[in-house]
Structures are given as C-alpha cells and as structure tokens.
Protein backbone atom coordinates (compact mmCIF):
# COMPACT_ATOMS: atom_id res chain seq x y z
CA MET A 1 6.64 42.46 -22.42
CA GLN A 2 8.80 39.48 -23.29
CA GLN A 3 7.28 36.03 -23.01
CA HIS A 4 8.92 32.59 -23.14
CA THR A 5 7.47 29.11 -22.64
CA TYR A 6 9.49 26.15 -21.35
CA THR A 7 8.26 22.60 -20.83
CA LEU A 8 9.69 20.03 -18.42
CA ASP A 9 8.80 16.35 -18.85
CA HIS A 10 7.83 14.13 -15.94
CA TRP A 11 10.15 11.22 -15.10
CA GLU A 12 10.16 8.35 -12.62
CA ASP A 13 12.80 6.00 -11.24
CA ARG A 14 11.07 3.05 -9.60
CA SER A 15 14.16 0.88 -9.17
CA GLY A 16 14.81 -0.71 -5.79
CA HIS A 17 12.59 -0.53 -2.74
CA ARG A 18 9.57 1.76 -2.97
CA LEU A 19 10.99 4.07 -0.30
CA THR A 20 13.90 4.84 -2.65
CA TRP A 21 11.75 5.66 -5.69
CA LYS A 22 12.34 9.10 -7.21
CA PHE A 23 10.04 11.28 -9.32
CA GLY A 24 10.30 14.69 -10.90
CA TYR A 25 10.52 16.87 -13.98
CA ARG A 26 13.44 17.59 -16.33
CA GLY A 27 14.08 19.43 -19.53
CA ALA A 28 15.71 22.43 -21.20
CA ALA A 29 14.69 25.99 -20.41
CA GLY A 30 16.24 28.11 -23.17
CA GLU A 31 19.20 30.21 -22.02
CA PHE A 32 18.93 28.73 -18.51
CA GLY A 33 19.98 25.30 -19.79
CA ARG A 34 18.83 22.02 -18.33
CA ILE A 35 16.71 21.93 -15.17
CA GLU A 36 15.87 18.89 -13.07
CA VAL A 37 13.39 18.61 -10.20
CA VAL A 38 13.60 15.54 -7.91
CA TYR A 39 11.09 14.51 -5.25
CA PRO A 40 11.64 13.12 -2.74
CA ALA A 41 15.34 13.92 -3.13
CA SER A 42 15.72 12.76 0.46
CA ARG A 43 13.66 11.92 3.51
CA ARG A 44 14.20 13.27 7.00
CA GLY A 45 11.82 11.43 9.27
CA ASP A 46 8.28 12.48 8.39
CA ARG A 47 9.56 15.23 6.11
CA HIS A 48 10.37 15.02 2.41
CA VAL A 49 12.76 17.19 0.42
CA THR A 50 12.25 18.36 -3.18
CA GLU A 51 15.33 19.63 -5.00
CA ALA A 52 15.70 21.71 -8.18
CA LYS A 53 19.08 22.08 -9.86
CA GLY A 54 20.45 22.77 -13.29
CA ASP A 55 23.09 24.29 -15.51
CA THR A 56 22.62 27.91 -14.39
CA VAL A 57 19.90 27.80 -11.71
CA PRO A 58 20.95 27.79 -8.04
CA VAL A 59 20.34 24.56 -6.13
CA THR A 60 16.98 25.08 -4.45
CA THR A 61 15.43 22.76 -1.87
CA PHE A 62 12.01 22.66 -0.25
CA MET A 63 11.44 20.52 2.84
CA GLY A 64 8.03 19.94 4.41
CA TRP A 65 5.80 17.39 6.08
CA ALA A 66 5.34 14.45 3.72
CA TYR A 67 2.05 14.33 1.85
CA GLY A 68 2.24 11.46 -0.58
CA ARG A 69 5.56 11.63 -2.39
CA LYS A 70 5.91 15.40 -2.14
CA PRO A 71 6.53 17.72 0.78
CA SER A 72 3.59 19.86 1.85
CA LEU A 73 3.46 23.47 3.05
CA TYR A 74 3.15 22.27 6.65
CA MET A 75 6.38 22.89 8.63
CA ALA A 76 8.05 23.98 5.38
CA GLU A 77 11.61 25.21 4.86
CA LEU A 78 13.03 26.68 1.65
CA SER A 79 16.70 27.08 0.75
CA VAL A 80 18.03 28.88 -2.35
CA GLY A 81 21.73 28.47 -3.10
CA GLY A 82 22.36 27.38 0.50
CA THR A 83 20.55 30.39 2.02
CA ARG A 84 17.44 29.69 4.09
CA VAL A 85 14.34 31.63 3.10
CA ARG A 86 11.50 32.52 5.46
CA LEU A 87 8.06 31.45 4.21
CA LYS A 88 4.79 33.14 5.20
CA ARG A 89 1.18 32.40 4.38
CA ASN A 90 -2.27 33.08 5.83
CA ARG A 91 -3.93 29.69 6.12
CA TRP A 92 -7.22 31.31 7.22
CA ALA A 93 -7.58 33.67 4.23
CA GLN A 94 -10.68 33.21 2.10
CA THR A 95 -9.25 34.16 -1.31
CA ARG A 96 -6.52 32.51 -3.36
CA ALA A 97 -4.53 35.76 -3.33
CA GLY A 98 -4.80 35.90 0.45
CA ARG A 99 -3.67 32.28 0.82
CA ALA A 100 -0.54 32.88 -1.32
CA LEU A 101 2.85 31.64 -0.12
CA ARG A 102 5.08 34.68 0.44
CA MET A 103 8.87 34.71 0.53
CA GLN A 104 11.77 37.11 0.17
CA VAL A 105 14.77 35.89 -1.84
CA ALA A 106 17.83 38.06 -2.62
CA GLY A 107 15.96 41.18 -1.51
CA ARG A 108 12.96 40.51 -3.79
CA GLU A 109 9.41 39.81 -2.60
CA TYR A 110 7.71 36.77 -4.19
CA ARG A 111 4.17 35.41 -4.04
CA TYR A 112 3.28 31.89 -5.14
CA LEU A 113 -0.47 31.52 -5.60
CA ALA A 114 -3.16 29.35 -7.13
CA THR A 115 -4.57 30.84 -10.32
CA SER A 116 -7.53 28.45 -10.52
CA ALA A 117 -9.49 26.18 -8.21
CA ARG A 118 -7.65 23.20 -9.69
CA HIS A 119 -4.31 22.23 -8.20
CA ARG A 120 -2.56 22.27 -11.59
CA ASP A 121 -2.43 26.04 -12.19
CA ARG A 122 -0.08 28.23 -10.16
CA ALA A 123 1.88 31.46 -10.59
CA LEU A 124 5.10 32.81 -9.09
CA VAL A 125 4.97 36.61 -9.06
CA ARG A 126 7.49 39.32 -8.20
CA SER A 127 7.74 42.93 -9.31
CA GLY A 128 7.97 42.93 -13.13
CA VAL A 129 8.04 39.13 -13.53
CA GLU A 130 5.37 36.44 -13.55
CA ILE A 131 5.93 32.73 -14.14
CA ARG A 132 2.73 30.77 -14.79
CA ILE A 133 3.04 27.07 -14.06
CA ARG A 134 0.62 24.55 -15.52
CA ARG A 135 0.93 20.82 -14.88
CA HIS A 136 -0.97 18.72 -17.36
CA GLY A 137 -1.18 15.20 -18.74
CA SER A 138 -1.07 11.90 -16.91
CA GLY A 139 1.27 8.95 -16.63
CA ALA A 140 4.26 9.09 -18.98
CA ARG A 141 2.79 12.15 -20.75
CA LYS A 142 2.76 14.35 -17.64
CA LYS A 143 4.43 17.75 -18.16
CA ALA A 144 5.03 21.06 -16.39
CA ALA A 145 4.79 24.12 -18.63
CA PHE A 146 6.30 27.45 -17.53
CA THR A 147 5.15 30.65 -19.23
CA VAL A 148 7.59 33.39 -18.28
CA LEU A 149 6.38 36.99 -18.55
CA GLY A 150 9.05 39.66 -18.07
CA PRO A 151 12.82 39.56 -17.55
CA ALA A 152 13.13 36.47 -15.33
CA ASP A 153 16.47 35.26 -14.03
CA ALA A 154 17.79 31.88 -12.87
CA THR A 155 16.55 32.36 -9.29
CA ASP A 156 12.99 32.97 -10.52
CA LEU A 157 13.07 29.80 -12.58
CA ALA A 158 14.61 27.75 -9.74
CA LEU A 159 11.81 28.81 -7.37
CA ALA A 160 9.10 27.99 -9.92
CA ALA A 161 10.70 24.61 -10.67
CA VAL A 162 11.10 23.49 -7.05
CA LEU A 163 7.50 24.43 -6.26
CA CYS A 164 6.34 22.02 -9.01
CA GLY A 165 7.54 19.24 -6.72
CA VAL A 166 5.63 20.50 -3.67
CA ASN A 167 2.07 19.70 -2.65
CA THR A 168 0.53 23.18 -2.72
CA ARG A 169 -3.07 22.07 -2.48
CA ASN A 170 -3.55 24.29 0.62
CA LEU A 171 -3.32 27.41 -1.55
CA THR A 172 -7.04 26.98 -2.32
CA ARG A 173 -9.84 26.65 0.23
CA GLY A 174 -11.11 23.42 -1.35
CA GLY A 175 -7.62 21.95 -1.37
CA ALA A 176 -7.13 22.88 2.27
CA VAL A 177 -10.37 21.10 3.22
CA ARG A 178 -9.33 17.96 1.30
CA ALA A 179 -5.87 18.04 2.90
CA PHE A 180 -7.40 18.44 6.37
CA PHE A 181 -9.61 15.38 5.94
CA GLY A 182 -6.73 13.43 4.43
CA ARG A 183 -4.49 14.21 7.42
CA SER A 184 -7.33 13.45 9.85
CA LEU A 185 -7.90 10.04 8.32
CA GLN A 186 -4.17 9.39 8.38
CA TRP A 187 -4.04 10.24 12.10
CA LEU A 188 -7.04 7.98 12.82
CA ASP A 189 -5.23 5.15 11.08
CA ILE A 190 -2.28 5.61 13.43
CA PHE A 191 -4.43 5.08 16.53
CA GLN A 192 -5.99 1.81 15.37
C-alpha cells in the first residue's frame, strides 16, 4: 500500500481588529500542490466558516456554531466544490468509532473519527484510503501532518485539510463533556 506524508505549517494574521484575525495551515502536498486552510474565513452571526483551497483541491468549506476561533460540529454544514454534503453522527455513542462524523461525497462514504483520546489525532477513512491527521507543536511551531495510506485524490485531501480547522472535540466522550460544560458556562455568562 502506498504511503505519503505531507506537513502543513500553522500561520496567523493578527492585523486589524481581533474579529478580523485569521488563522490556519498552509504548505505543499506533493502532486496536489499548495493547500491553504483558513479559519474563520468568514463569520455568519454565531457561526464560523473554515475554508480549504489549493492548486488542485476543490474549494471546501465547513460552517458550524462558533467554538473559539473554529466552527464546531453543532449545526454544521459542509460544502465540497460548491455541492452541499449531508453530515451525520451519533452524539450518544460510547465509542470513538460510533461517534465518527459520517458523510457521502461524490458517491463515496467517508468517516472522520478520533484515533486517540487526545484531540490532536484524527483519521479520515473511505474504502481503500485512510488519511491520518496529527496536529502537534505549539505557537509558531504548530503543524498538521497528514499520513496518506492508499490512492487518495484531491477530494480526500481537501476534506482532511478543512477538518483540521474545525473543533472536533465532540468525537470523543471526554471532549463532548468538556464542550458541554464550556457551552453551559458560556450560556450562564449571557444571562448575567
């Protein structure tokens, strides 16, 4: 089975007002060329949009309820090359595999799941292809490493890249509990 590893470097643009700050990852991914992930690419009320684009990858956007600078899985919408994609997940499942985000893009079934209890390790899986995503480092040394197993195409890489700019903490039980308490405290702050 063929295997390739690509690394995208974290970047920040903190010019202007803090509501206009942009963050993301960018770098070269072999034959796929340059890839850039931007979050929040835009804001629509209480929802943030993450966008992935590049030389050969289709423009892919993920919009969800804002959680920090990234969109969350709550009220999420995914678009690949201008086509909306339906997202499914079982928020009550007890295992990481059961809590996976499921989607169908271009007639192919995908699962995006946590591969460890930490929020840094994820995998995008479809029949014959697996892309393991690992975010590591801190500050200016932050990186996203993609290990591609199998014959991946530009759509596979675009999906993996855009999901790096999404808060997917709810894919683990512990992350879901932390997110619940975080949202609860945020709501209590509104009523004071």
